[in-house]
C-alpha cells in the first residue's frame, strides 16, 4: 500500500496533553507520570526542555515502527541562541545524570540540534527548520504526546532570518 504523504491528520488525531492527562492517538488516556515513568531519561529530557522554555515539546513513540530509536523528542527554540542554549543545557543535564549522549550535532549550526542517546533522539529546531523537516508528519503513524506548559507559552512570533521564509498560510 503506497504511503499518502499529503494525508492531513484529522482533529481526532490531534494529541494535546497537559501535566494531568495525556491522550495517545486517541487509543487510551494515561497520566503524564505513567508516560514519563517509562524511562527516567524521558522525565529528565522533558523537564530540562521546559526549564529552558522550549516550545511545542512532542514525544513520538517509535517502538515497533523504527529500528533506529524508540523515541523522538522534538521541540522548538525561538532564536539561534535559544536553540544553542536548549541543546547545550540538555547535554549538560544528561551528562550530570550519568547519561552520556552517543552523538551531538548542530550546536554550531543553531537551526537544528540533535542529541542522540541511541534509543532516544532529541531534536531541537528553529521554527522554520521544524516546519521544513516535518518529523511529526514523517512519523505520522507514531503515538505522539504533546507536552504543554502554560508558563512556557509566550506570545511571540518567531522571526524569519535570511534564507528562511515564514508563510501565513
Protein backbone atom coordinates (compact mmCIF):
# COMPACT_ATOMS: atom_id res chain seq x y z
CA UNK A 1 0.00 0.00 0.00
CA UNK A 2 1.58 3.32 -1.02
CA UNK A 3 2.01 6.00 1.61
CA UNK A 4 -0.12 9.11 1.16
CA UNK A 5 2.40 11.82 2.09
CA UNK A 6 -0.21 14.53 1.62
CA UNK A 7 -2.65 13.00 4.09
CA UNK A 8 -3.67 15.50 6.70
CA UNK A 9 -4.45 14.41 10.21
CA UNK A 10 -7.98 14.96 11.41
CA UNK A 11 -8.70 16.82 14.60
CA UNK A 12 -9.44 13.48 16.28
CA UNK A 13 -5.80 12.53 15.68
CA UNK A 14 -4.52 15.62 17.45
CA UNK A 15 -2.81 14.87 20.69
CA UNK A 16 -2.97 17.55 23.32
CA UNK A 17 -1.67 17.00 26.79
CA UNK A 18 -1.25 18.90 29.97
CA UNK A 19 0.54 17.76 33.09
CA UNK A 20 -2.53 15.85 34.32
CA UNK A 21 -3.56 13.66 31.41
CA UNK A 22 -2.29 12.51 28.02
CA UNK A 23 -4.08 11.05 25.05
CA UNK A 24 -2.03 8.80 22.81
CA UNK A 25 -3.52 8.70 19.30
CA UNK A 26 -6.98 8.52 20.84
CA UNK A 27 -6.35 4.92 21.97
CA UNK A 28 -6.07 5.50 25.68
CA UNK A 29 -5.64 8.10 28.33
CA UNK A 30 -2.72 7.76 30.71
CA UNK A 31 -1.29 10.03 33.33
CA UNK A 32 1.74 12.07 32.44
CA UNK A 33 3.54 10.41 35.31
CA UNK A 34 2.87 7.00 33.75
CA UNK A 35 4.26 8.10 30.39
CA UNK A 36 7.32 9.76 31.90
CA UNK A 37 7.91 6.72 34.12
CA UNK A 38 8.56 4.59 31.03
CA UNK A 39 12.18 5.78 31.11
CA UNK A 40 13.82 8.08 33.66
CA UNK A 41 15.54 9.90 30.82
CA UNK A 42 12.19 10.94 29.33
CA UNK A 43 11.34 12.85 32.50
CA UNK A 44 14.79 14.45 32.64
CA UNK A 45 14.62 15.44 28.98
CA UNK A 46 11.10 16.91 29.11
CA UNK A 47 11.75 18.78 32.35
CA UNK A 48 15.02 20.20 31.01
CA UNK A 49 13.37 21.31 27.77
CA UNK A 50 10.59 23.01 29.68
CA UNK A 51 13.02 24.63 32.13
CA UNK A 52 14.79 26.13 29.12
CA UNK A 53 11.46 27.41 27.75
CA UNK A 54 11.45 25.14 24.70
CA UNK A 55 8.19 25.44 22.78
CA UNK A 56 5.86 22.72 21.47
CA UNK A 57 7.58 19.73 23.11
CA UNK A 58 6.38 16.50 21.47
CA UNK A 59 7.41 12.89 22.13
CA UNK A 60 6.97 10.33 19.34
CA UNK A 61 6.89 6.67 20.37
CA UNK A 62 8.65 4.86 17.52
CA UNK A 63 8.72 1.42 19.15
CA UNK A 64 7.67 -1.10 16.53
CA UNK A 65 7.97 1.49 13.75
CA UNK A 66 11.71 2.09 13.62
CA UNK A 67 14.87 0.22 14.43
CA UNK A 68 16.80 3.48 14.78
CA UNK A 69 15.24 4.74 18.05
CA UNK A 70 12.41 4.08 20.49
CA UNK A 71 11.54 7.76 20.98
CA UNK A 72 12.00 11.08 19.24
CA UNK A 73 11.57 14.15 21.42
CA UNK A 74 11.03 17.26 19.30
CA UNK A 75 10.89 20.89 20.40
CA UNK A 76 11.31 24.41 19.08
CA UNK A 77 13.62 27.24 20.11
CA UNK A 78 12.72 30.85 19.34
CA UNK A 79 16.15 32.06 18.20
CA UNK A 80 19.61 30.75 17.34
CA UNK A 81 20.95 31.44 20.86
CA UNK A 82 17.84 29.81 22.35
CA UNK A 83 18.38 26.64 20.28
CA UNK A 84 22.04 26.54 21.34
CA UNK A 85 21.11 27.07 24.98
CA UNK A 86 18.45 24.34 24.95
CA UNK A 87 20.78 21.84 23.25
CA UNK A 88 23.83 22.63 25.37
CA UNK A 89 21.95 22.61 28.67
CA UNK A 90 20.21 19.35 27.73
CA UNK A 91 23.58 17.69 27.04
CA UNK A 92 24.90 19.01 30.38
CA UNK A 93 21.84 17.76 32.30
CA UNK A 94 22.08 14.31 30.69
CA UNK A 95 25.80 14.02 31.48
CA UNK A 96 25.28 15.16 35.08
CA UNK A 97 22.66 12.41 35.46
CA UNK A 98 25.10 9.83 34.07
CA UNK A 99 23.63 9.57 30.56
CA UNK A 100 26.36 10.19 28.03
CA UNK A 101 25.00 11.15 24.59
CA UNK A 102 26.28 8.89 21.82
CA UNK A 103 26.31 11.79 19.37
CA UNK A 104 25.56 15.52 19.46
CA UNK A 105 25.26 17.52 16.27
CA UNK A 106 24.34 21.05 15.29
CA UNK A 107 25.44 23.14 18.26
CA UNK A 108 27.27 25.34 15.75
CA UNK A 109 24.56 25.43 13.06
CA UNK A 110 21.89 26.52 15.57
CA UNK A 111 18.92 25.71 13.34
CA UNK A 112 18.71 22.06 14.37
CA UNK A 113 20.48 20.49 17.32
CA UNK A 114 20.34 16.70 17.53
CA UNK A 115 21.17 14.83 20.75
CA UNK A 116 21.36 11.07 20.15
CA UNK A 117 21.12 8.70 23.12
CA UNK A 118 20.73 5.77 20.67
CA UNK A 119 17.21 4.74 21.75
CA UNK A 120 16.05 8.31 22.46
CA UNK A 121 16.84 11.09 19.97
CA UNK A 122 16.13 14.72 20.81
CA UNK A 123 15.62 17.27 18.03
CA UNK A 124 15.78 20.98 18.92
CA UNK A 125 14.66 23.03 15.93
CA UNK A 126 14.24 26.64 14.94
CA UNK A 127 10.61 27.15 13.93
CA UNK A 128 11.40 27.32 10.21
CA UNK A 129 13.54 24.18 10.23
CA UNK A 130 10.92 22.22 12.17
CA UNK A 131 8.28 23.11 9.60
CA UNK A 132 10.64 22.22 6.73
CA UNK A 133 11.66 18.78 8.05
CA UNK A 134 8.18 17.98 9.46
CA UNK A 135 9.25 14.95 11.52
CA UNK A 136 5.80 14.68 13.11
CA UNK A 137 4.29 14.24 9.65
CA UNK A 138 7.05 11.88 8.50
CA UNK A 139 6.41 9.68 11.57
CA UNK A 140 2.64 10.22 11.46
CA UNK A 141 1.90 6.63 12.48
CA UNK A 142 3.79 7.01 15.75
CA UNK A 143 2.00 7.57 19.02
CA UNK A 144 2.57 11.20 19.95
CA UNK A 145 2.41 13.05 23.22
CA UNK A 146 2.38 16.83 23.27
CA UNK A 147 3.56 18.47 26.48
CA UNK A 148 2.05 21.86 27.11
CA UNK A 149 3.08 24.05 29.98
CA UNK A 150 1.29 27.38 30.05
CA UNK A 151 4.29 29.02 31.70
CA UNK A 152 6.32 28.15 28.60
CA UNK A 153 3.82 29.62 26.15
CA UNK A 154 4.92 33.10 25.16
CA UNK A 155 3.16 35.49 22.88
CA UNK A 156 5.90 35.93 20.34
CA UNK A 157 6.19 35.25 16.66
CA UNK A 158 9.40 33.56 15.50
CA UNK A 159 11.40 35.96 13.37
CA UNK A 160 12.46 34.85 9.92
CA UNK A 161 16.14 35.08 9.16
CA UNK A 162 17.86 35.35 5.79
CA UNK A 163 17.31 32.20 3.77
CA UNK A 164 14.26 31.16 5.81
CA UNK A 165 10.75 32.26 4.98
CA UNK A 166 7.62 32.08 7.06
CA UNK A 167 4.24 31.96 5.41
CA UNK A 168 0.90 32.93 6.89
CA UNK A 169 -0.95 30.02 5.24
